[in-house]
Amino acid sequence: MKKLFISLMILAFGVTFALAADETTNGTVVAVDGNTATIEVSGNMAWVKKGAYVRAVDESGKLLLRSAKITAIEGNVITVQTSMTKEMKAGDKYKMSKGKPSAGC
């Protein structure tokens, strides 16, 4: 019985991680203006919604955006507002995923 329960838990965690992996996308910074960044998104945009929060890491895995709120969506271009834009510049590429409003607090 224990083996069955452990097997089911492992399966549940595997499915959870597989679904979470689908909620990532790539983005390229188009422009930065103060606390606002405009990012062109390529890939899976199913999780991208106005009012949602975004988390972004660069190619080396360094966290550059957390708790960045999506304020506008126009086609495949999103606008996010955050105080973490000071390290971003046009042309930078990031791997983005769903964030939390409380991240970094």
C-alpha atoms as a PDB file:
ATOM      1  CA  MET A   1       0.000   0.000   0.000  1.00  0.00           C
ATOM      2  CA  LYS A   2       2.853   2.370   0.841  1.00  0.00           C
ATOM      3  CA  LYS A   3       4.535   1.685  -2.491  1.00  0.00           C
ATOM      4  CA  LEU A   4       1.316   2.480  -4.354  1.00  0.00           C
ATOM      5  CA  PHE A   5       0.868   5.744  -2.441  1.00  0.00           C
ATOM      6  CA  ILE A   6       4.498   6.780  -3.050  1.00  0.00           C
ATOM      7  CA  SER A   7       4.177   5.928  -6.755  1.00  0.00           C
ATOM      8  CA  LEU A   8       1.030   8.041  -7.053  1.00  0.00           C
ATOM      9  CA  MET A   9       2.709  10.985  -5.295  1.00  0.00           C
ATOM     10  CA  ILE A  10       5.723  10.793  -7.615  1.00  0.00           C
ATOM     11  CA  LEU A  11       3.399  10.702 -10.627  1.00  0.00           C
ATOM     12  CA  ALA A  12       1.449  13.722  -9.329  1.00  0.00           C
ATOM     13  CA  PHE A  13       4.651  15.733  -8.817  1.00  0.00           C
ATOM     14  CA  GLY A  14       5.879  14.762 -12.281  1.00  0.00           C
ATOM     15  CA  VAL A  15       2.660  15.937 -13.912  1.00  0.00           C
ATOM     16  CA  THR A  16       2.802  19.190 -11.923  1.00  0.00           C
ATOM     17  CA  PHE A  17       6.371  19.915 -13.028  1.00  0.00           C
ATOM     18  CA  ALA A  18       5.565  19.029 -16.645  1.00  0.00           C
ATOM     19  CA  LEU A  19       2.644  21.470 -16.678  1.00  0.00           C
ATOM     20  CA  ALA A  20       4.771  24.162 -15.050  1.00  0.00           C
ATOM     21  CA  ALA A  21       7.413  23.720 -17.747  1.00  0.00           C
ATOM     22  CA  ASP A  22       4.792  24.583 -20.380  1.00  0.00           C
ATOM     23  CA  GLU A  23       4.289  27.989 -18.761  1.00  0.00           C
ATOM     24  CA  THR A  24       7.558  29.445 -19.992  1.00  0.00           C
ATOM     25  CA  THR A  25       8.253  31.591 -23.013  1.00  0.00           C
ATOM     26  CA  ASN A  26      11.071  33.595 -24.531  1.00  0.00           C
ATOM     27  CA  GLY A  27      11.127  37.361 -24.680  1.00  0.00           C
ATOM     28  CA  THR A  28      13.245  40.106 -26.216  1.00  0.00           C
ATOM     29  CA  VAL A  29      13.270  43.598 -24.737  1.00  0.00           C
ATOM     30  CA  VAL A  30      12.063  46.173 -27.262  1.00  0.00           C
ATOM     31  CA  ALA A  31      12.293  49.293 -25.078  1.00  0.00           C
ATOM     32  CA  VAL A  32      12.808  50.400 -21.479  1.00  0.00           C
ATOM     33  CA  ASP A  33      11.388  53.660 -20.112  1.00  0.00           C
ATOM     34  CA  GLY A  34      11.734  54.268 -16.375  1.00  0.00           C
ATOM     35  CA  ASN A  35       9.881  51.485 -14.557  1.00  0.00           C
ATOM     36  CA  THR A  36       8.245  50.200 -17.744  1.00  0.00           C
ATOM     37  CA  ALA A  37       9.648  47.617 -20.156  1.00  0.00           C
ATOM     38  CA  THR A  38       8.192  46.532 -23.489  1.00  0.00           C
ATOM     39  CA  ILE A  39       8.976  42.906 -24.353  1.00  0.00           C
ATOM     40  CA  GLU A  40       8.309  40.971 -27.561  1.00  0.00           C
ATOM     41  CA  VAL A  41       7.190  37.455 -26.639  1.00  0.00           C
ATOM     42  CA  SER A  42       7.770  34.324 -28.726  1.00  0.00           C
ATOM     43  CA  GLY A  43       6.463  30.890 -27.897  1.00  0.00           C
ATOM     44  CA  ASN A  44       3.702  29.835 -25.526  1.00  0.00           C
ATOM     45  CA  MET A  45       1.601  32.860 -24.531  1.00  0.00           C
ATOM     46  CA  ALA A  46      -1.269  30.908 -22.931  1.00  0.00           C
ATOM     47  CA  TRP A  47      -0.379  32.130 -19.424  1.00  0.00           C
ATOM     48  CA  VAL A  48       0.233  35.769 -20.481  1.00  0.00           C
ATOM     49  CA  LYS A  49      -2.713  37.915 -19.372  1.00  0.00           C
ATOM     50  CA  LYS A  50      -3.152  41.570 -18.466  1.00  0.00           C
ATOM     51  CA  GLY A  51      -2.703  41.950 -14.704  1.00  0.00           C
ATOM     52  CA  ALA A  52      -0.631  38.752 -14.417  1.00  0.00           C
ATOM     53  CA  TYR A  53       2.871  38.784 -12.969  1.00  0.00           C
ATOM     54  CA  VAL A  54       6.041  37.855 -14.846  1.00  0.00           C
ATOM     55  CA  ARG A  55       9.380  36.436 -13.776  1.00  0.00           C
ATOM     56  CA  ALA A  56      12.369  36.599 -16.146  1.00  0.00           C
ATOM     57  CA  VAL A  57      15.889  35.165 -16.100  1.00  0.00           C
ATOM     58  CA  ASP A  58      18.744  35.775 -18.524  1.00  0.00           C
ATOM     59  CA  GLU A  59      20.794  33.113 -20.323  1.00  0.00           C
ATOM     60  CA  SER A  60      23.064  32.607 -17.298  1.00  0.00           C
ATOM     61  CA  GLY A  61      20.056  32.072 -15.004  1.00  0.00           C
ATOM     62  CA  LYS A  62      20.304  35.460 -13.271  1.00  0.00           C
ATOM     63  CA  LEU A  63      16.901  36.674 -12.085  1.00  0.00           C
ATOM     64  CA  LEU A  64      16.156  40.063 -13.663  1.00  0.00           C
ATOM     65  CA  LEU A  65      12.415  40.429 -13.223  1.00  0.00           C
ATOM     66  CA  ARG A  66      10.216  39.293 -10.387  1.00  0.00           C
ATOM     67  CA  SER A  67       6.747  40.509  -9.546  1.00  0.00           C
ATOM     68  CA  ALA A  68       6.620  42.517 -12.796  1.00  0.00           C
ATOM     69  CA  LYS A  69       2.975  43.211 -13.584  1.00  0.00           C
ATOM     70  CA  ILE A  70       1.715  43.023 -17.171  1.00  0.00           C
ATOM     71  CA  THR A  71      -0.037  46.330 -17.891  1.00  0.00           C
ATOM     72  CA  ALA A  72      -0.708  45.944 -21.636  1.00  0.00           C
ATOM     73  CA  ILE A  73      -0.726  43.307 -24.355  1.00  0.00           C
ATOM     74  CA  GLU A  74      -0.673  44.149 -28.068  1.00  0.00           C
ATOM     75  CA  GLY A  75      -0.304  41.065 -30.240  1.00  0.00           C
ATOM     76  CA  ASN A  76       2.894  39.376 -29.087  1.00  0.00           C
ATOM     77  CA  VAL A  77       4.271  42.480 -27.328  1.00  0.00           C
ATOM     78  CA  ILE A  78       3.694  42.950 -23.603  1.00  0.00           C
ATOM     79  CA  THR A  79       4.348  45.932 -21.377  1.00  0.00           C
ATOM     80  CA  VAL A  80       5.406  45.262 -17.796  1.00  0.00           C
ATOM     81  CA  GLN A  81       5.816  47.611 -14.884  1.00  0.00           C
ATOM     82  CA  THR A  82       8.462  46.977 -12.216  1.00  0.00           C
ATOM     83  CA  SER A  83      11.245  48.728 -10.377  1.00  0.00           C
ATOM     84  CA  MET A  84      13.728  46.105 -11.656  1.00  0.00           C
ATOM     85  CA  THR A  85      14.123  47.563 -15.171  1.00  0.00           C
ATOM     86  CA  LYS A  86      17.410  49.350 -14.399  1.00  0.00           C
ATOM     87  CA  GLU A  87      19.490  46.346 -15.583  1.00  0.00           C
ATOM     88  CA  MET A  88      17.456  45.798 -18.766  1.00  0.00           C
ATOM     89  CA  LYS A  89      18.221  47.222 -22.200  1.00  0.00           C
ATOM     90  CA  ALA A  90      16.751  46.856 -25.685  1.00  0.00           C
ATOM     91  CA  GLY A  91      17.802  43.631 -27.380  1.00  0.00           C
ATOM     92  CA  ASP A  92      18.252  41.597 -24.175  1.00  0.00           C
ATOM     93  CA  LYS A  93      16.755  38.095 -24.334  1.00  0.00           C
ATOM     94  CA  TYR A  94      15.052  36.410 -21.393  1.00  0.00           C
ATOM     95  CA  LYS A  95      13.247  33.227 -20.463  1.00  0.00           C
ATOM     96  CA  MET A  96       9.983  34.289 -18.849  1.00  0.00           C
ATOM     97  CA  SER A  97       7.482  32.474 -16.692  1.00  0.00           C
ATOM     98  CA  LYS A  98       4.504  33.147 -14.485  1.00  0.00           C
ATOM     99  CA  GLY A  99       5.436  35.169 -11.415  1.00  0.00           C
ATOM    100  CA  LYS A 100       3.868  35.959  -8.043  1.00  0.00           C
ATOM    101  CA  PRO A 101       2.763  39.374  -6.781  1.00  0.00           C
ATOM    102  CA  SER A 102       4.555  38.755  -3.464  1.00  0.00           C
ATOM    103  CA  ALA A 103       7.914  37.723  -4.961  1.00  0.00           C
ATOM    104  CA  GLY A 104      10.799  39.608  -3.415  1.00  0.00           C
ATOM    105  CA  CYS A 105       8.778  41.004  -0.528  1.00  0.00           C
END
